[in-house]
Structures are given as C-alpha cells and as structure tokens.
Amino acid sequence: MPEIKIYTQPGCPYCMRAVALLKSKNVQFAEVNAPRGTPERDEAISLSGGQTTVPQTFVDGKSLGGCDDLMRLERTGQLNGLLGLS
C-alpha cells in the first residue's frame, strides 16, 4: 500500500471532508496537524510546491492537492488507483 499523508488543521471543514473521504476508502493514512505558523504547515507548503491552504494530501510523496482536488479525483474515478485500491 502507498504511504498516504494529509496535512490538516483543527476546525477546517475542508479538512474534515477530505479526511472523511479517505476514511470511507478504508485506507491507512497519517493525519498531520498543521495549523498556520507551525513547522508542520511550512512542511506542507514546501512539499506541495507552495500551496498555503489545507488540507494537502500526498501519496508516496506526490501531491494530490486539496479537498476539491480529492473530490474531483473521486468523481472521475482516479482516486482509487492513486490510493492503491484498483
């Protein structure tokens, strides 16, 4: 299975939605708390190529983007393959 990591912050509705989608897929993932101004947020920004918003999701180090990106991948049938489920 690929390594899945999602950077979130407490109270973020987009983060909750993205995490719920990953949970619905029954995949193991690491959720990293990354509020503004923390080293974790800086790491997410660096890994994502400058994206400053959360959530930011990565599979084996490759950025899948934020919540809207995950939802688009799900709608187009691409998410399962990226998560190693196909």
PDB file of N, CA and C in Angstrom:
ATOM      1  N   MET A   1       0.842  -1.189   0.000  1.00  0.00           N
ATOM      2  CA  MET A   1       0.000   0.000   0.000  1.00  0.00           C
ATOM      3  C   MET A   1       0.886   1.251   0.000  1.00  0.00           C
ATOM      4  N   PRO A   2       0.454   2.268  -0.695  1.00  0.00           N
ATOM      5  CA  PRO A   2       1.227   3.508  -0.709  1.00  0.00           C
ATOM      6  C   PRO A   2       1.143   4.232   0.636  1.00  0.00           C
ATOM      7  N   GLU A   3       2.123   5.089   0.882  1.00  0.00           N
ATOM      8  CA  GLU A   3       2.110   5.924   2.086  1.00  0.00           C
ATOM      9  C   GLU A   3       1.256   7.159   1.806  1.00  0.00           C
ATOM     10  N   ILE A   4       0.219   7.338   2.605  1.00  0.00           N
ATOM     11  CA  ILE A   4      -0.715   8.449   2.424  1.00  0.00           C
ATOM     12  C   ILE A   4      -0.602   9.372   3.630  1.00  0.00           C
ATOM     13  N   LYS A   5      -0.441  10.662   3.344  1.00  0.00           N
ATOM     14  CA  LYS A   5      -0.318  11.651   4.421  1.00  0.00           C
ATOM     15  C   LYS A   5      -1.194  12.842   4.067  1.00  0.00           C
ATOM     16  N   ILE A   6      -1.941  13.327   5.054  1.00  0.00           N
ATOM     17  CA  ILE A   6      -2.781  14.504   4.842  1.00  0.00           C
ATOM     18  C   ILE A   6      -2.499  15.521   5.942  1.00  0.00           C
ATOM     19  N   TYR A   7      -2.222  16.743   5.528  1.00  0.00           N
ATOM     20  CA  TYR A   7      -1.973  17.845   6.452  1.00  0.00           C
ATOM     21  C   TYR A   7      -3.290  18.590   6.651  1.00  0.00           C
ATOM     22  N   THR A   8      -3.677  18.775   7.912  1.00  0.00           N
ATOM     23  CA  THR A   8      -4.954  19.401   8.244  1.00  0.00           C
ATOM     24  C   THR A   8      -4.752  20.423   9.359  1.00  0.00           C
ATOM     25  N   GLN A   9      -5.847  21.118   9.687  1.00  0.00           N
ATOM     26  CA  GLN A   9      -5.838  21.955  10.883  1.00  0.00           C
ATOM     27  C   GLN A   9      -7.196  21.817  11.550  1.00  0.00           C
ATOM     28  N   PRO A  10      -7.238  21.922  12.873  1.00  0.00           N
ATOM     29  CA  PRO A  10      -8.489  21.755  13.609  1.00  0.00           C
ATOM     30  C   PRO A  10      -9.553  22.753  13.161  1.00  0.00           C
ATOM     31  N   GLY A  11     -10.793  22.270  13.065  1.00  0.00           N
ATOM     32  CA  GLY A  11     -11.917  23.127  12.737  1.00  0.00           C
ATOM     33  C   GLY A  11     -12.096  23.440  11.271  1.00  0.00           C
ATOM     34  N   CYS A  12     -11.253  22.919  10.426  1.00  0.00           N
ATOM     35  CA  CYS A  12     -11.317  23.195   8.987  1.00  0.00           C
ATOM     36  C   CYS A  12     -12.328  22.252   8.328  1.00  0.00           C
ATOM     37  N   PRO A  13     -13.436  22.788   7.795  1.00  0.00           N
ATOM     38  CA  PRO A  13     -14.441  21.909   7.190  1.00  0.00           C
ATOM     39  C   PRO A  13     -13.930  21.161   5.957  1.00  0.00           C
ATOM     40  N   TYR A  14     -13.044  21.778   5.196  1.00  0.00           N
ATOM     41  CA  TYR A  14     -12.489  21.103   4.022  1.00  0.00           C
ATOM     42  C   TYR A  14     -11.599  19.940   4.444  1.00  0.00           C
ATOM     43  N   CYS A  15     -10.874  20.141   5.538  1.00  0.00           N
ATOM     44  CA  CYS A  15     -10.031  19.068   6.073  1.00  0.00           C
ATOM     45  C   CYS A  15     -10.897  17.898   6.522  1.00  0.00           C
ATOM     46  N   MET A  16     -11.977  18.208   7.228  1.00  0.00           N
ATOM     47  CA  MET A  16     -12.872  17.152   7.711  1.00  0.00           C
ATOM     48  C   MET A  16     -13.462  16.367   6.544  1.00  0.00           C
ATOM     49  N   ARG A  17     -13.819  17.070   5.493  1.00  0.00           N
ATOM     50  CA  ARG A  17     -14.399  16.413   4.317  1.00  0.00           C
ATOM     51  C   ARG A  17     -13.377  15.505   3.633  1.00  0.00           C
ATOM     52  N   ALA A  18     -12.153  15.980   3.496  1.00  0.00           N
ATOM     53  CA  ALA A  18     -11.102  15.179   2.861  1.00  0.00           C
ATOM     54  C   ALA A  18     -10.756  13.956   3.706  1.00  0.00           C
ATOM     55  N   VAL A  19     -10.663  14.138   5.017  1.00  0.00           N
ATOM     56  CA  VAL A  19     -10.375  13.014   5.915  1.00  0.00           C
ATOM     57  C   VAL A  19     -11.511  11.995   5.854  1.00  0.00           C
ATOM     58  N   ALA A  20     -12.752  12.467   5.826  1.00  0.00           N
ATOM     59  CA  ALA A  20     -13.898  11.555   5.733  1.00  0.00           C
ATOM     60  C   ALA A  20     -13.837  10.733   4.446  1.00  0.00           C
ATOM     61  N   LEU A  21     -13.438  11.355   3.353  1.00  0.00           N
ATOM     62  CA  LEU A  21     -13.316  10.625   2.088  1.00  0.00           C
ATOM     63  C   LEU A  21     -12.257   9.539   2.199  1.00  0.00           C
ATOM     64  N   LEU A  22     -11.102   9.874   2.764  1.00  0.00           N
ATOM     65  CA  LEU A  22     -10.049   8.864   2.924  1.00  0.00           C
ATOM     66  C   LEU A  22     -10.513   7.731   3.836  1.00  0.00           C
ATOM     67  N   LYS A  23     -11.198   8.075   4.921  1.00  0.00           N
ATOM     68  CA  LYS A  23     -11.711   7.039   5.832  1.00  0.00           C
ATOM     69  C   LYS A  23     -12.708   6.136   5.122  1.00  0.00           C
ATOM     70  N   SER A  24     -13.523   6.713   4.250  1.00  0.00           N
ATOM     71  CA  SER A  24     -14.520   5.914   3.527  1.00  0.00           C
ATOM     72  C   SER A  24     -13.863   4.902   2.592  1.00  0.00           C
ATOM     73  N   LYS A  25     -12.609   5.161   2.238  1.00  0.00           N
ATOM     74  CA  LYS A  25     -11.865   4.253   1.360  1.00  0.00           C
ATOM     75  C   LYS A  25     -11.178   3.134   2.145  1.00  0.00           C
ATOM     76  N   ASN A  26     -11.245   3.194   3.469  1.00  0.00           N
ATOM     77  CA  ASN A  26     -10.609   2.183   4.329  1.00  0.00           C
ATOM     78  C   ASN A  26      -9.121   2.026   4.041  1.00  0.00           C
ATOM     79  N   VAL A  27      -8.452   3.149   3.843  1.00  0.00           N
ATOM     80  CA  VAL A  27      -7.002   3.125   3.652  1.00  0.00           C
ATOM     81  C   VAL A  27      -6.340   3.688   4.908  1.00  0.00           C
ATOM     82  N   GLN A  28      -5.142   3.217   5.172  1.00  0.00           N
ATOM     83  CA  GLN A  28      -4.380   3.770   6.283  1.00  0.00           C
ATOM     84  C   GLN A  28      -3.713   5.056   5.818  1.00  0.00           C
ATOM     85  N   PHE A  29      -3.782   6.072   6.663  1.00  0.00           N
ATOM     86  CA  PHE A  29      -3.137   7.337   6.336  1.00  0.00           C
ATOM     87  C   PHE A  29      -2.707   8.023   7.617  1.00  0.00           C
ATOM     88  N   ALA A  30      -1.721   8.885   7.479  1.00  0.00           N
ATOM     89  CA  ALA A  30      -1.253   9.696   8.602  1.00  0.00           C
ATOM     90  C   ALA A  30      -1.853  11.084   8.458  1.00  0.00           C
ATOM     91  N   GLU A  31      -2.491  11.550   9.529  1.00  0.00           N
ATOM     92  CA  GLU A  31      -3.018  12.912   9.548  1.00  0.00           C
ATOM     93  C   GLU A  31      -2.068  13.771  10.372  1.00  0.00           C
ATOM     94  N   VAL A  32      -1.570  14.830   9.761  1.00  0.00           N
ATOM     95  CA  VAL A  32      -0.616  15.720  10.416  1.00  0.00           C
ATOM     96  C   VAL A  32      -1.317  17.039  10.729  1.00  0.00           C
ATOM     97  N   ASN A  33      -1.360  17.389  12.010  1.00  0.00           N
ATOM     98  CA  ASN A  33      -1.938  18.652  12.438  1.00  0.00           C
ATOM     99  C   ASN A  33      -0.994  19.779  12.019  1.00  0.00           C
ATOM    100  N   ALA A  34      -1.482  20.683  11.158  1.00  0.00           N
ATOM    101  CA  ALA A  34      -0.611  21.715  10.584  1.00  0.00           C
ATOM    102  C   ALA A  34      -1.269  23.093  10.618  1.00  0.00           C
ATOM    103  N   PRO A  35      -1.500  23.636  11.829  1.00  0.00           N
ATOM    104  CA  PRO A  35      -2.050  24.995  11.901  1.00  0.00           C
ATOM    105  C   PRO A  35      -1.070  26.023  11.331  1.00  0.00           C
ATOM    106  N   ARG A  36      -1.588  27.184  10.982  1.00  0.00           N
ATOM    107  CA  ARG A  36      -0.741  28.264  10.454  1.00  0.00           C
ATOM    108  C   ARG A  36       0.381  28.594  11.421  1.00  0.00           C
ATOM    109  N   GLY A  37       1.545  28.865  10.858  1.00  0.00           N
ATOM    110  CA  GLY A  37       2.678  29.295  11.653  1.00  0.00           C
ATOM    111  C   GLY A  37       3.451  28.180  12.330  1.00  0.00           C
ATOM    112  N   THR A  38       3.157  26.931  11.982  1.00  0.00           N
ATOM    113  CA  THR A  38       3.868  25.805  12.594  1.00  0.00           C
ATOM    114  C   THR A  38       4.839  25.189  11.591  1.00  0.00           C
ATOM    115  N   PRO A  39       5.848  24.476  12.090  1.00  0.00           N
ATOM    116  CA  PRO A  39       6.768  23.783  11.179  1.00  0.00           C
ATOM    117  C   PRO A  39       6.043  22.774  10.287  1.00  0.00           C
ATOM    118  N   GLU A  40       4.982  22.170  10.806  1.00  0.00           N
ATOM    119  CA  GLU A  40       4.219  21.205  10.005  1.00  0.00           C
ATOM    120  C   GLU A  40       3.549  21.890   8.815  1.00  0.00           C
ATOM    121  N   ARG A  41       3.030  23.092   9.023  1.00  0.00           N
ATOM    122  CA  ARG A  41       2.404  23.835   7.925  1.00  0.00           C
ATOM    123  C   ARG A  41       3.462  24.228   6.907  1.00  0.00           C
ATOM    124  N   ASP A  42       4.623  24.670   7.398  1.00  0.00           N
ATOM    125  CA  ASP A  42       5.722  25.013   6.493  1.00  0.00           C
ATOM    126  C   ASP A  42       6.129  23.806   5.658  1.00  0.00           C
ATOM    127  N   GLU A  43       6.147  22.631   6.277  1.00  0.00           N
ATOM    128  CA  GLU A  43       6.481  21.398   5.560  1.00  0.00           C
ATOM    129  C   GLU A  43       5.450  21.116   4.470  1.00  0.00           C
ATOM    130  N   ALA A  44       4.166  21.267   4.799  1.00  0.00           N
ATOM    131  CA  ALA A  44       3.105  21.041   3.809  1.00  0.00           C
ATOM    132  C   ALA A  44       3.242  22.006   2.640  1.00  0.00           C
ATOM    133  N   ILE A  45       3.533  23.265   2.939  1.00  0.00           N
ATOM    134  CA  ILE A  45       3.703  24.274   1.887  1.00  0.00           C
ATOM    135  C   ILE A  45       4.877  23.905   0.986  1.00  0.00           C
ATOM    136  N   SER A  46       5.962  23.500   1.589  1.00  0.00           N
ATOM    137  CA  SER A  46       7.154  23.125   0.822  1.00  0.00           C
ATOM    138  C   SER A  46       6.893  21.911  -0.061  1.00  0.00           C
ATOM    139  N   LEU A  47       6.291  20.879   0.516  1.00  0.00           N
ATOM    140  CA  LEU A  47       6.044  19.639  -0.232  1.00  0.00           C
ATOM    141  C   LEU A  47       5.036  19.830  -1.361  1.00  0.00           C
ATOM    142  N   SER A  48       4.097  20.763  -1.173  1.00  0.00           N
ATOM    143  CA  SER A  48       3.042  20.965  -2.169  1.00  0.00           C
ATOM    144  C   SER A  48       3.433  21.946  -3.260  1.00  0.00           C
ATOM    145  N   GLY A  49       4.641  22.457  -3.195  1.00  0.00           N
ATOM    146  CA  GLY A  49       5.071  23.405  -4.218  1.00  0.00           C
ATOM    147  C   GLY A  49       4.539  24.804  -3.993  1.00  0.00           C
ATOM    148  N   GLY A  50       4.224  25.136  -2.735  1.00  0.00           N
ATOM    149  CA  GLY A  50       3.808  26.495  -2.423  1.00  0.00           C
ATOM    150  C   GLY A  50       2.347  26.674  -2.076  1.00  0.00           C
ATOM    151  N   GLN A  51       1.566  25.610  -2.072  1.00  0.00           N
ATOM    152  CA  GLN A  51       0.154  25.716  -1.690  1.00  0.00           C
ATOM    153  C   GLN A  51       0.070  26.033  -0.204  1.00  0.00           C
ATOM    154  N   THR A  52      -0.641  27.090   0.147  1.00  0.00           N
ATOM    155  CA  THR A  52      -0.671  27.540   1.540  1.00  0.00           C
ATOM    156  C   THR A  52      -1.919  27.099   2.291  1.00  0.00           C
ATOM    157  N   THR A  53      -2.841  26.456   1.608  1.00  0.00           N
ATOM    158  CA  THR A  53      -4.089  26.043   2.251  1.00  0.00           C
ATOM    159  C   THR A  53      -4.023  24.581   2.675  1.00  0.00           C
ATOM    160  N   VAL A  54      -4.897  24.227   3.601  1.00  0.00           N
ATOM    161  CA  VAL A  54      -5.078  22.833   3.988  1.00  0.00           C
ATOM    162  C   VAL A  54      -6.523  22.462   3.699  1.00  0.00           C
ATOM    163  N   PRO A  55      -6.766  21.192   3.463  1.00  0.00           N
ATOM    164  CA  PRO A  55      -5.841  20.073   3.547  1.00  0.00           C
ATOM    165  C   PRO A  55      -4.907  20.011   2.339  1.00  0.00           C
ATOM    166  N   GLN A  56      -3.801  19.340   2.548  1.00  0.00           N
ATOM    167  CA  GLN A  56      -2.887  18.970   1.464  1.00  0.00           C
ATOM    168  C   GLN A  56      -2.627  17.481   1.625  1.00  0.00           C
ATOM    169  N   THR A  57      -2.858  16.738   0.564  1.00  0.00           N
ATOM    170  CA  THR A  57      -2.770  15.280   0.609  1.00  0.00           C
ATOM    171  C   THR A  57      -1.644  14.797  -0.293  1.00  0.00           C
ATOM    172  N   PHE A  58      -0.903  13.807   0.207  1.00  0.00           N
ATOM    173  CA  PHE A  58       0.238  13.250  -0.516  1.00  0.00           C
ATOM    174  C   PHE A  58       0.159  11.731  -0.513  1.00  0.00           C
ATOM    175  N   VAL A  59       0.493  11.142  -1.644  1.00  0.00           N
ATOM    176  CA  VAL A  59       0.594   9.686  -1.756  1.00  0.00           C
ATOM    177  C   VAL A  59       2.005   9.385  -2.242  1.00  0.00           C
ATOM    178  N   ASP A  60       2.739   8.664  -1.411  1.00  0.00           N
ATOM    179  CA  ASP A  60       4.148   8.369  -1.701  1.00  0.00           C
ATOM    180  C   ASP A  60       4.915   9.634  -2.075  1.00  0.00           C
ATOM    181  N   GLY A  61       4.619  10.722  -1.354  1.00  0.00           N
ATOM    182  CA  GLY A  61       5.322  11.983  -1.553  1.00  0.00           C
ATOM    183  C   GLY A  61       4.808  12.841  -2.694  1.00  0.00           C
ATOM    184  N   LYS A  62       3.871  12.315  -3.487  1.00  0.00           N
ATOM    185  CA  LYS A  62       3.313  13.079  -4.608  1.00  0.00           C
ATOM    186  C   LYS A  62       2.058  13.812  -4.143  1.00  0.00           C
ATOM    187  N   SER A  63       1.998  15.094  -4.443  1.00  0.00           N
ATOM    188  CA  SER A  63       0.861  15.906  -4.027  1.00  0.00           C
ATOM    189  C   SER A  63      -0.380  15.581  -4.852  1.00  0.00           C
ATOM    190  N   LEU A  64      -1.492  15.332  -4.138  1.00  0.00           N
ATOM    191  CA  LEU A  64      -2.785  15.180  -4.799  1.00  0.00           C
ATOM    192  C   LEU A  64      -3.598  16.459  -4.685  1.00  0.00           C
ATOM    193  N   GLY A  65      -3.099  17.424  -3.921  1.00  0.00           N
ATOM    194  CA  GLY A  65      -3.782  18.698  -3.778  1.00  0.00           C
ATOM    195  C   GLY A  65      -4.675  18.757  -2.560  1.00  0.00           C
ATOM    196  N   GLY A  66      -5.656  19.651  -2.630  1.00  0.00           N
ATOM    197  CA  GLY A  66      -6.557  19.897  -1.515  1.00  0.00           C
ATOM    198  C   GLY A  66      -7.859  19.132  -1.624  1.00  0.00           C
ATOM    199  N   CYS A  67      -8.835  19.575  -0.868  1.00  0.00           N
ATOM    200  CA  CYS A  67     -10.121  18.889  -0.800  1.00  0.00           C
ATOM    201  C   CYS A  67     -10.805  18.828  -2.165  1.00  0.00           C
ATOM    202  N   ASP A  68     -10.888  19.954  -2.846  1.00  0.00           N
ATOM    203  CA  ASP A  68     -11.548  19.968  -4.157  1.00  0.00           C
ATOM    204  C   ASP A  68     -10.855  19.025  -5.133  1.00  0.00           C
ATOM    205  N   ASP A  69      -9.539  18.960  -5.051  1.00  0.00           N
ATOM    206  CA  ASP A  69      -8.784  18.062  -5.929  1.00  0.00           C
ATOM    207  C   ASP A  69      -9.112  16.605  -5.626  1.00  0.00           C
ATOM    208  N   LEU A  70      -9.174  16.256  -4.334  1.00  0.00           N
ATOM    209  CA  LEU A  70      -9.529  14.879  -3.961  1.00  0.00           C
ATOM    210  C   LEU A  70     -10.924  14.529  -4.447  1.00  0.00           C
ATOM    211  N   MET A  71     -11.866  15.442  -4.268  1.00  0.00           N
ATOM    212  CA  MET A  71     -13.243  15.187  -4.691  1.00  0.00           C
ATOM    213  C   MET A  71     -13.322  15.019  -6.213  1.00  0.00           C
ATOM    214  N   ARG A  72     -12.549  15.811  -6.942  1.00  0.00           N
ATOM    215  CA  ARG A  72     -12.526  15.683  -8.402  1.00  0.00           C
ATOM    216  C   ARG A  72     -11.957  14.327  -8.809  1.00  0.00           C
ATOM    217  N   LEU A  73     -10.877  13.908  -8.149  1.00  0.00           N
ATOM    218  CA  LEU A  73     -10.291  12.595  -8.439  1.00  0.00           C
ATOM    219  C   LEU A  73     -11.290  11.479  -8.145  1.00  0.00           C
ATOM    220  N   GLU A  74     -12.062  11.636  -7.093  1.00  0.00           N
ATOM    221  CA  GLU A  74     -13.089  10.642  -6.754  1.00  0.00           C
ATOM    222  C   GLU A  74     -14.174  10.615  -7.830  1.00  0.00           C
ATOM    223  N   ARG A  75     -14.658  11.790  -8.224  1.00  0.00           N
ATOM    224  CA  ARG A  75     -15.722  11.863  -9.238  1.00  0.00           C
ATOM    225  C   ARG A  75     -15.289  11.278 -10.577  1.00  0.00           C
ATOM    226  N   THR A  76     -14.029  11.449 -10.926  1.00  0.00           N
ATOM    227  CA  THR A  76     -13.549  10.970 -12.222  1.00  0.00           C
ATOM    228  C   THR A  76     -13.029   9.535 -12.173  1.00  0.00           C
ATOM    229  N   GLY A  77     -13.117   8.905 -10.992  1.00  0.00           N
ATOM    230  CA  GLY A  77     -12.721   7.506 -10.866  1.00  0.00           C
ATOM    231  C   GLY A  77     -11.225   7.275 -10.780  1.00  0.00           C
ATOM    232  N   GLN A  78     -10.453   8.321 -10.523  1.00  0.00           N
ATOM    233  CA  GLN A  78      -9.000   8.184 -10.473  1.00  0.00           C
ATOM    234  C   GLN A  78      -8.444   7.965  -9.069  1.00  0.00           C
ATOM    235  N   LEU A  79      -9.221   8.314  -8.045  1.00  0.00           N
ATOM    236  CA  LEU A  79      -8.695   8.291  -6.681  1.00  0.00           C
ATOM    237  C   LEU A  79      -8.323   6.888  -6.222  1.00  0.00           C
ATOM    238  N   ASN A  80      -9.162   5.906  -6.494  1.00  0.00           N
ATOM    239  CA  ASN A  80      -8.862   4.542  -6.036  1.00  0.00           C
ATOM    240  C   ASN A  80      -7.508   4.061  -6.539  1.00  0.00           C
ATOM    241  N   GLY A  81      -7.215   4.298  -7.792  1.00  0.00           N
ATOM    242  CA  GLY A  81      -5.934   3.874  -8.346  1.00  0.00           C
ATOM    243  C   GLY A  81      -4.762   4.564  -7.672  1.00  0.00           C
ATOM    244  N   LEU A  82      -4.913   5.859  -7.404  1.00  0.00           N
ATOM    245  CA  LEU A  82      -3.844   6.611  -6.748  1.00  0.00           C
ATOM    246  C   LEU A  82      -3.624   6.149  -5.310  1.00  0.00           C
ATOM    247  N   LEU A  83      -4.687   5.645  -4.684  1.00  0.00           N
ATOM    248  CA  LEU A  83      -4.592   5.151  -3.308  1.00  0.00           C
ATOM    249  C   LEU A  83      -4.198   3.680  -3.246  1.00  0.00           C
ATOM    250  N   GLY A  84      -3.960   3.077  -4.401  1.00  0.00           N
ATOM    251  CA  GLY A  84      -3.557   1.672  -4.437  1.00  0.00           C
ATOM    252  C   GLY A  84      -4.711   0.710  -4.273  1.00  0.00           C
ATOM    253  N   LEU A  85      -5.921   1.138  -4.635  1.00  0.00           N
ATOM    254  CA  LEU A  85      -7.108   0.304  -4.443  1.00  0.00           C
ATOM    255  C   LEU A  85      -7.628  -0.335  -5.719  1.00  0.00           C
ATOM    256  N   SER A  86      -7.047  -0.041  -6.860  1.00  0.00           N
ATOM    257  CA  SER A  86      -7.623  -0.560  -8.113  1.00  0.00           C
ATOM    258  C   SER A  86      -7.156  -1.949  -8.446  1.00  0.00           C
TER     259      SER A  86
END
